PDB file of N, CA and C in Angstrom:
ATOM      1  N   MET A   1     154.493 119.908 134.968  1.00  0.00           N
ATOM      2  CA  MET A   1     155.841 120.121 135.435  1.00  0.00           C
ATOM      3  C   MET A   1     156.792 119.036 134.963  1.00  0.00           C
ATOM      4  N   ARG A   2     156.360 117.829 135.086  1.00  0.00           N
ATOM      5  CA  ARG A   2     157.227 116.714 134.735  1.00  0.00           C
ATOM      6  C   ARG A   2     157.618 116.756 133.257  1.00  0.00           C
ATOM      7  N   ARG A   3     156.686 117.115 132.403  1.00  0.00           N
ATOM      8  CA  ARG A   3     156.963 117.177 130.973  1.00  0.00           C
ATOM      9  C   ARG A   3     158.039 118.228 130.658  1.00  0.00           C
ATOM     10  N   SER A   4     158.009 119.367 131.314  1.00  0.00           N
ATOM     11  CA  SER A   4     159.016 120.407 131.105  1.00  0.00           C
ATOM     12  C   SER A   4     160.403 119.917 131.485  1.00  0.00           C
ATOM     13  N   ALA A   5     160.489 119.177 132.565  1.00  0.00           N
ATOM     14  CA  ALA A   5     161.782 118.649 132.997  1.00  0.00           C
ATOM     15  C   ALA A   5     162.332 117.672 131.974  1.00  0.00           C
ATOM     16  N   ILE A   6     161.472 116.855 131.399  1.00  0.00           N
ATOM     17  CA  ILE A   6     161.909 115.902 130.378  1.00  0.00           C
ATOM     18  C   ILE A   6     162.378 116.644 129.137  1.00  0.00           C
ATOM     19  N   ASN A   7     161.652 117.654 128.702  1.00  0.00           N
ATOM     20  CA  ASN A   7     162.057 118.435 127.535  1.00  0.00           C
ATOM     21  C   ASN A   7     163.402 119.107 127.762  1.00  0.00           C
ATOM     22  N   ALA A   8     163.629 119.618 128.965  1.00  0.00           N
ATOM     23  CA  ALA A   8     164.904 120.260 129.271  1.00  0.00           C
ATOM     24  C   ALA A   8     166.046 119.259 129.212  1.00  0.00           C
ATOM     25  N   VAL A   9     165.819 118.061 129.705  1.00  0.00           N
ATOM     26  CA  VAL A   9     166.851 117.025 129.680  1.00  0.00           C
ATOM     27  C   VAL A   9     167.155 116.619 128.245  1.00  0.00           C
ATOM     28  N   LEU A  10     166.147 116.548 127.414  1.00  0.00           N
ATOM     29  CA  LEU A  10     166.359 116.151 126.029  1.00  0.00           C
ATOM     30  C   LEU A  10     167.090 117.222 125.230  1.00  0.00           C
ATOM     31  N   THR A  11     166.945 118.468 125.600  1.00  0.00           N
ATOM     32  CA  THR A  11     167.612 119.521 124.841  1.00  0.00           C
ATOM     33  C   THR A  11     169.062 119.727 125.269  1.00  0.00           C
ATOM     34  N   VAL A  12     169.435 119.308 126.445  1.00  0.00           N
ATOM     35  CA  VAL A  12     170.817 119.475 126.898  1.00  0.00           C
ATOM     36  C   VAL A  12     171.796 118.709 126.006  1.00  0.00           C
ATOM     37  N   PRO A  13     171.560 117.430 125.696  1.00  0.00           N
ATOM     38  CA  PRO A  13     172.498 116.746 124.797  1.00  0.00           C
ATOM     39  C   PRO A  13     172.569 117.400 123.416  1.00  0.00           C
ATOM     40  N   THR A  14     171.435 117.863 122.938  1.00  0.00           N
ATOM     41  CA  THR A  14     171.430 118.549 121.646  1.00  0.00           C
ATOM     42  C   THR A  14     172.264 119.817 121.721  1.00  0.00           C
ATOM     43  N   ALA A  15     172.086 120.581 122.777  1.00  0.00           N
ATOM     44  CA  ALA A  15     172.853 121.812 122.950  1.00  0.00           C
ATOM     45  C   ALA A  15     174.345 121.517 123.055  1.00  0.00           C
ATOM     46  N   LEU A  16     174.704 120.487 123.782  1.00  0.00           N
ATOM     47  CA  LEU A  16     176.120 120.125 123.911  1.00  0.00           C
ATOM     48  C   LEU A  16     176.701 119.681 122.576  1.00  0.00           C
ATOM     49  N   SER A  17     175.921 118.943 121.814  1.00  0.00           N
ATOM     50  CA  SER A  17     176.381 118.518 120.487  1.00  0.00           C
ATOM     51  C   SER A  17     176.645 119.723 119.607  1.00  0.00           C
ATOM     52  N   LEU A  18     175.724 120.667 119.620  1.00  0.00           N
ATOM     53  CA  LEU A  18     175.901 121.876 118.818  1.00  0.00           C
ATOM     54  C   LEU A  18     177.104 122.683 119.280  1.00  0.00           C
ATOM     55  N   LEU A  19     177.352 122.681 120.563  1.00  0.00           N
ATOM     56  CA  LEU A  19     178.493 123.402 121.104  1.00  0.00           C
ATOM     57  C   LEU A  19     179.803 122.874 120.519  1.00  0.00           C
ATOM     58  N   PHE A  20     179.894 121.566 120.348  1.00  0.00           N
ATOM     59  CA  PHE A  20     181.105 120.965 119.798  1.00  0.00           C
ATOM     60  C   PHE A  20     181.163 121.051 118.276  1.00  0.00           C
ATOM     61  N   ILE A  21     180.022 121.050 117.618  1.00  0.00           N
ATOM     62  CA  ILE A  21     179.974 121.084 116.158  1.00  0.00           C
ATOM     63  C   ILE A  21     180.091 122.506 115.620  1.00  0.00           C
ATOM     64  N   ALA A  22     179.565 123.479 116.331  1.00  0.00           N
ATOM     65  CA  ALA A  22     179.527 124.862 115.854  1.00  0.00           C
ATOM     66  C   ALA A  22     180.883 125.399 115.389  1.00  0.00           C
ATOM     67  N   PRO A  23     181.972 125.193 116.125  1.00  0.00           N
ATOM     68  CA  PRO A  23     183.254 125.718 115.637  1.00  0.00           C
ATOM     69  C   PRO A  23     183.657 125.154 114.274  1.00  0.00           C
ATOM     70  N   LEU A  24     183.272 123.938 113.988  1.00  0.00           N
ATOM     71  CA  LEU A  24     183.595 123.353 112.688  1.00  0.00           C
ATOM     72  C   LEU A  24     182.819 124.030 111.571  1.00  0.00           C
ATOM     73  N   LEU A  25     181.644 124.513 111.884  1.00  0.00           N
ATOM     74  CA  LEU A  25     180.808 125.160 110.884  1.00  0.00           C
ATOM     75  C   LEU A  25     181.217 126.597 110.627  1.00  0.00           C
ATOM     76  N   THR A  26     182.000 127.180 111.501  1.00  0.00           N
ATOM     77  CA  THR A  26     182.389 128.576 111.343  1.00  0.00           C
ATOM     78  C   THR A  26     183.624 128.748 110.476  1.00  0.00           C
ATOM     79  N   ILE A  27     184.255 127.671 110.089  1.00  0.00           N
ATOM     80  CA  ILE A  27     185.412 127.772 109.208  1.00  0.00           C
ATOM     81  C   ILE A  27     184.877 128.017 107.809  1.00  0.00           C
ATOM     82  N   GLY A  28     184.993 129.239 107.360  1.00  0.00           N
ATOM     83  CA  GLY A  28     184.393 129.619 106.096  1.00  0.00           C
ATOM     84  C   GLY A  28     185.390 129.747 104.973  1.00  0.00           C
ATOM     85  N   PRO A  29     184.889 130.052 103.811  1.00  0.00           N
ATOM     86  CA  PRO A  29     185.740 130.204 102.640  1.00  0.00           C
ATOM     87  C   PRO A  29     186.790 131.286 102.791  1.00  0.00           C
ATOM     88  N   ALA A  30     186.547 132.254 103.643  1.00  0.00           N
ATOM     89  CA  ALA A  30     187.522 133.326 103.817  1.00  0.00           C
ATOM     90  C   ALA A  30     188.858 132.787 104.285  1.00  0.00           C
ATOM     91  N   HIS A  31     188.852 131.665 104.966  1.00  0.00           N
ATOM     92  CA  HIS A  31     190.093 131.083 105.454  1.00  0.00           C
ATOM     93  C   HIS A  31     190.799 130.267 104.383  1.00  0.00           C
ATOM     94  N   GLY A  32     190.105 129.980 103.289  1.00  0.00           N
ATOM     95  CA  GLY A  32     190.681 129.078 102.303  1.00  0.00           C
ATOM     96  C   GLY A  32     190.696 127.681 102.881  1.00  0.00           C
ATOM     97  N   HIS A  33     190.381 126.699 102.103  1.00  0.00           N
ATOM     98  CA  HIS A  33     190.390 125.334 102.623  1.00  0.00           C
ATOM     99  C   HIS A  33     190.941 124.399 101.571  1.00  0.00           C
ATOM    100  N   GLY A  34     190.822 123.130 101.780  1.00  0.00           N
ATOM    101  CA  GLY A  34     191.405 122.138 100.896  1.00  0.00           C
ATOM    102  C   GLY A  34     191.015 122.277  99.441  1.00  0.00           C
ATOM    103  N   LYS A  35     189.826 122.723  99.171  1.00  0.00           N
ATOM    104  CA  LYS A  35     189.408 122.888  97.778  1.00  0.00           C
ATOM    105  C   LYS A  35     189.881 124.215  97.201  1.00  0.00           C
ATOM    106  N   GLY A  36     190.351 125.111  98.030  1.00  0.00           N
ATOM    107  CA  GLY A  36     190.906 126.367  97.534  1.00  0.00           C
ATOM    108  C   GLY A  36     189.887 127.440  97.233  1.00  0.00           C
ATOM    109  N   ILE A  37     188.934 127.666  98.104  1.00  0.00           N
ATOM    110  CA  ILE A  37     187.949 128.721  97.904  1.00  0.00           C
ATOM    111  C   ILE A  37     188.372 129.930  98.724  1.00  0.00           C
ATOM    112  N   TYR A  38     188.393 131.103  98.090  1.00  0.00           N
ATOM    113  CA  TYR A  38     188.859 132.321  98.741  1.00  0.00           C
ATOM    114  C   TYR A  38     187.867 133.454  98.541  1.00  0.00           C
ATOM    115  N   GLU A  39     187.857 134.385  99.472  1.00  0.00           N
ATOM    116  CA  GLU A  39     186.982 135.557  99.398  1.00  0.00           C
ATOM    117  C   GLU A  39     187.439 136.523  98.308  1.00  0.00           C
ATOM    118  N   SER A  40     188.740 136.683  98.141  1.00  0.00           N
ATOM    119  CA  SER A  40     189.233 137.684  97.194  1.00  0.00           C
ATOM    120  C   SER A  40     189.963 137.044  96.016  1.00  0.00           C
ATOM    121  N   ARG A  41     189.925 137.758  94.925  1.00  0.00           N
ATOM    122  CA  ARG A  41     190.624 137.309  93.717  1.00  0.00           C
ATOM    123  C   ARG A  41     192.130 137.217  93.976  1.00  0.00           C
ATOM    124  N   SER A  42     192.665 138.193  94.707  1.00  0.00           N
ATOM    125  CA  SER A  42     194.120 138.206  94.937  1.00  0.00           C
ATOM    126  C   SER A  42     194.587 136.993  95.735  1.00  0.00           C
ATOM    127  N   GLU A  43     193.787 136.537  96.708  1.00  0.00           N
ATOM    128  CA  GLU A  43     194.149 135.327  97.459  1.00  0.00           C
ATOM    129  C   GLU A  43     194.174 134.114  96.533  1.00  0.00           C
ATOM    130  N   ALA A  44     193.173 134.020  95.660  1.00  0.00           N
ATOM    131  CA  ALA A  44     193.108 132.896  94.724  1.00  0.00           C
ATOM    132  C   ALA A  44     194.268 132.953  93.732  1.00  0.00           C
ATOM    133  N   GLU A  45     194.627 134.160  93.282  1.00  0.00           N
ATOM    134  CA  GLU A  45     195.751 134.306  92.354  1.00  0.00           C
ATOM    135  C   GLU A  45     197.061 133.874  93.006  1.00  0.00           C
ATOM    136  N   LYS A  46     197.228 134.235  94.263  1.00  0.00           N
ATOM    137  CA  LYS A  46     198.443 133.835  94.986  1.00  0.00           C
ATOM    138  C   LYS A  46     198.538 132.315  95.064  1.00  0.00           C
ATOM    139  N   ARG A  47     197.431 131.668  95.429  1.00  0.00           N
ATOM    140  CA  ARG A  47     197.421 130.203  95.531  1.00  0.00           C
ATOM    141  C   ARG A  47     197.604 129.566  94.156  1.00  0.00           C
ATOM    142  N   ALA A  48     197.001 130.157  93.133  1.00  0.00           N
ATOM    143  CA  ALA A  48     197.144 129.630  91.774  1.00  0.00           C
ATOM    144  C   ALA A  48     198.618 129.591  91.375  1.00  0.00           C
ATOM    145  N   GLU A  49     199.326 130.661  91.662  1.00  0.00           N
ATOM    146  CA  GLU A  49     200.753 130.715  91.339  1.00  0.00           C
ATOM    147  C   GLU A  49     201.529 129.642  92.099  1.00  0.00           C
ATOM    148  N   GLU A  50     201.178 129.438  93.363  1.00  0.00           N
ATOM    149  CA  GLU A  50     201.869 128.444  94.192  1.00  0.00           C
ATOM    150  C   GLU A  50     201.710 127.022  93.653  1.00  0.00           C
ATOM    151  N   ILE A  51     200.552 126.727  93.074  1.00  0.00           N
ATOM    152  CA  ILE A  51     200.302 125.354  92.612  1.00  0.00           C
ATOM    153  C   ILE A  51     200.472 125.181  91.108  1.00  0.00           C
ATOM    154  N   GLY A  52     200.880 126.238  90.419  1.00  0.00           N
ATOM    155  CA  GLY A  52     201.190 126.110  89.007  1.00  0.00           C
ATOM    156  C   GLY A  52     200.069 126.435  88.038  1.00  0.00           C
ATOM    157  N   CYS A  53     199.073 127.165  88.476  1.00  0.00           N
ATOM    158  CA  CYS A  53     197.992 127.600  87.581  1.00  0.00           C
ATOM    159  C   CYS A  53     198.236 129.051  87.182  1.00  0.00           C
ATOM    160  N   SER A  54     197.741 129.420  86.012  1.00  0.00           N
ATOM    161  CA  SER A  54     197.979 130.777  85.529  1.00  0.00           C
ATOM    162  C   SER A  54     196.748 131.673  85.597  1.00  0.00           C
ATOM    163  N   THR A  55     195.627 131.143  86.048  1.00  0.00           N
ATOM    164  CA  THR A  55     194.404 131.937  86.099  1.00  0.00           C
ATOM    165  C   THR A  55     193.555 131.531  87.300  1.00  0.00           C
ATOM    166  N   VAL A  56     192.466 132.251  87.523  1.00  0.00           N
ATOM    167  CA  VAL A  56     191.516 131.946  88.597  1.00  0.00           C
ATOM    168  C   VAL A  56     190.104 131.981  88.022  1.00  0.00           C
ATOM    169  N   HIS A  57     189.160 131.458  88.787  1.00  0.00           N
ATOM    170  CA  HIS A  57     187.758 131.508  88.363  1.00  0.00           C
ATOM    171  C   HIS A  57     186.860 131.730  89.567  1.00  0.00           C
ATOM    172  N   GLN A  58     185.615 132.157  89.292  1.00  0.00           N
ATOM    173  CA  GLN A  58     184.646 132.353  90.366  1.00  0.00           C
ATOM    174  C   GLN A  58     183.737 131.148  90.484  1.00  0.00           C
ATOM    175  N   ASN A  59     183.333 130.879  91.732  1.00  0.00           N
ATOM    176  CA  ASN A  59     182.417 129.778  92.023  1.00  0.00           C
ATOM    177  C   ASN A  59     181.487 130.254  93.131  1.00  0.00           C
ATOM    178  N   ASN A  60     180.224 130.454  92.802  1.00  0.00           N
ATOM    179  CA  ASN A  60     179.227 130.925  93.778  1.00  0.00           C
ATOM    180  C   ASN A  60     179.677 132.187  94.507  1.00  0.00           C
ATOM    181  N   GLY A  61     180.240 133.125  93.772  1.00  0.00           N
ATOM    182  CA  GLY A  61     180.646 134.394  94.361  1.00  0.00           C
ATOM    183  C   GLY A  61     181.984 134.380  95.075  1.00  0.00           C
ATOM    184  N   LYS A  62     182.645 133.250  95.116  1.00  0.00           N
ATOM    185  CA  LYS A  62     183.967 133.132  95.737  1.00  0.00           C
ATOM    186  C   LYS A  62     184.992 132.901  94.628  1.00  0.00           C
ATOM    187  N   TRP A  63     186.249 132.985  94.976  1.00  0.00           N
ATOM    188  CA  TRP A  63     187.322 132.818  94.001  1.00  0.00           C
ATOM    189  C   TRP A  63     188.076 131.520  94.233  1.00  0.00           C
ATOM    190  N   MET A  64     188.457 130.886  93.120  1.00  0.00           N
ATOM    191  CA  MET A  64     189.225 129.644  93.188  1.00  0.00           C
ATOM    192  C   MET A  64     190.391 129.717  92.215  1.00  0.00           C
ATOM    193  N   PRO A  65     191.519 129.106  92.563  1.00  0.00           N
ATOM    194  CA  PRO A  65     192.657 129.053  91.649  1.00  0.00           C
ATOM    195  C   PRO A  65     192.334 128.211  90.416  1.00  0.00           C
ATOM    196  N   CYS A  66     193.072 128.427  89.347  1.00  0.00           N
ATOM    197  CA  CYS A  66     193.005 127.641  88.108  1.00  0.00           C
ATOM    198  C   CYS A  66     191.774 128.000  87.275  1.00  0.00           C
ATOM    199  N   ALA A  67     191.744 127.503  86.056  1.00  0.00           N
ATOM    200  CA  ALA A  67     190.664 127.820  85.121  1.00  0.00           C
ATOM    201  C   ALA A  67     189.331 127.231  85.562  1.00  0.00           C
ATOM    202  N   ASP A  68     189.379 126.066  86.200  1.00  0.00           N
ATOM    203  CA  ASP A  68     188.165 125.413  86.694  1.00  0.00           C
ATOM    204  C   ASP A  68     188.553 124.431  87.798  1.00  0.00           C
ATOM    205  N   GLU A  69     187.548 123.825  88.417  1.00  0.00           N
ATOM    206  CA  GLU A  69     187.834 122.908  89.531  1.00  0.00           C
ATOM    207  C   GLU A  69     188.598 121.669  89.080  1.00  0.00           C
ATOM    208  N   GLN A  70     188.345 121.228  87.875  1.00  0.00           N
ATOM    209  CA  GLN A  70     189.054 120.044  87.372  1.00  0.00           C
ATOM    210  C   GLN A  70     190.558 120.315  87.314  1.00  0.00           C
ATOM    211  N   GLU A  71     190.931 121.474  86.763  1.00  0.00           N
ATOM    212  CA  GLU A  71     192.354 121.820  86.709  1.00  0.00           C
ATOM    213  C   GLU A  71     192.915 122.004  88.119  1.00  0.00           C
ATOM    214  N   LEU A  72     192.141 122.621  88.989  1.00  0.00           N
ATOM    215  CA  LEU A  72     192.582 122.810  90.373  1.00  0.00           C
ATOM    216  C   LEU A  72     192.916 121.474  91.025  1.00  0.00           C
ATOM    217  N   HIS A  73     192.037 120.502  90.885  1.00  0.00           N
ATOM    218  CA  HIS A  73     192.275 119.194  91.510  1.00  0.00           C
ATOM    219  C   HIS A  73     193.468 118.474  90.879  1.00  0.00           C
ATOM    220  N   ARG A  74     193.651 118.631  89.581  1.00  0.00           N
ATOM    221  CA  ARG A  74     194.841 118.049  88.929  1.00  0.00           C
ATOM    222  C   ARG A  74     196.110 118.646  89.528  1.00  0.00           C
ATOM    223  N   GLN A  75     196.123 119.951  89.678  1.00  0.00           N
ATOM    224  CA  GLN A  75     197.305 120.617  90.219  1.00  0.00           C
ATOM    225  C   GLN A  75     197.533 120.246  91.685  1.00  0.00           C
ATOM    226  N   LEU A  76     196.453 120.139  92.450  1.00  0.00           N
ATOM    227  CA  LEU A  76     196.603 119.782  93.864  1.00  0.00           C
ATOM    228  C   LEU A  76     197.161 118.376  94.031  1.00  0.00           C
ATOM    229  N   ARG A  77     196.809 117.471  93.132  1.00  0.00           N
ATOM    230  CA  ARG A  77     197.353 116.107  93.211  1.00  0.00           C
ATOM    231  C   ARG A  77     198.855 116.095  92.955  1.00  0.00           C
ATOM    232  N   LYS A  78     199.352 117.048  92.191  1.00  0.00           N
ATOM    233  CA  LYS A  78     200.785 117.135  91.911  1.00  0.00           C
ATOM    234  C   LYS A  78     201.573 117.628  93.125  1.00  0.00           C
ATOM    235  N   HIS A  79     200.926 118.392  93.982  1.00  0.00           N
ATOM    236  CA  HIS A  79     201.634 119.016  95.116  1.00  0.00           C
ATOM    237  C   HIS A  79     201.369 118.299  96.365  1.00  0.00           C
TER     238      HIS A  79
END
């Protein structure tokens, strides 16, 4: 019995930590983030136009503004 109570106490802080961290992990590429990863080509094209790029590219099945990440970061530093 005593061992079960200790295990339960040890898992509560872990559970609470996950409760606070989980929302941060749910912010996905669909929302677009600082690096500019988007679910759709049209979202990436819109952002590309806003930051001065003329094309988009794919990265791991997602879409990003500009020809590549290097160009994207150059353009983001300008804005």
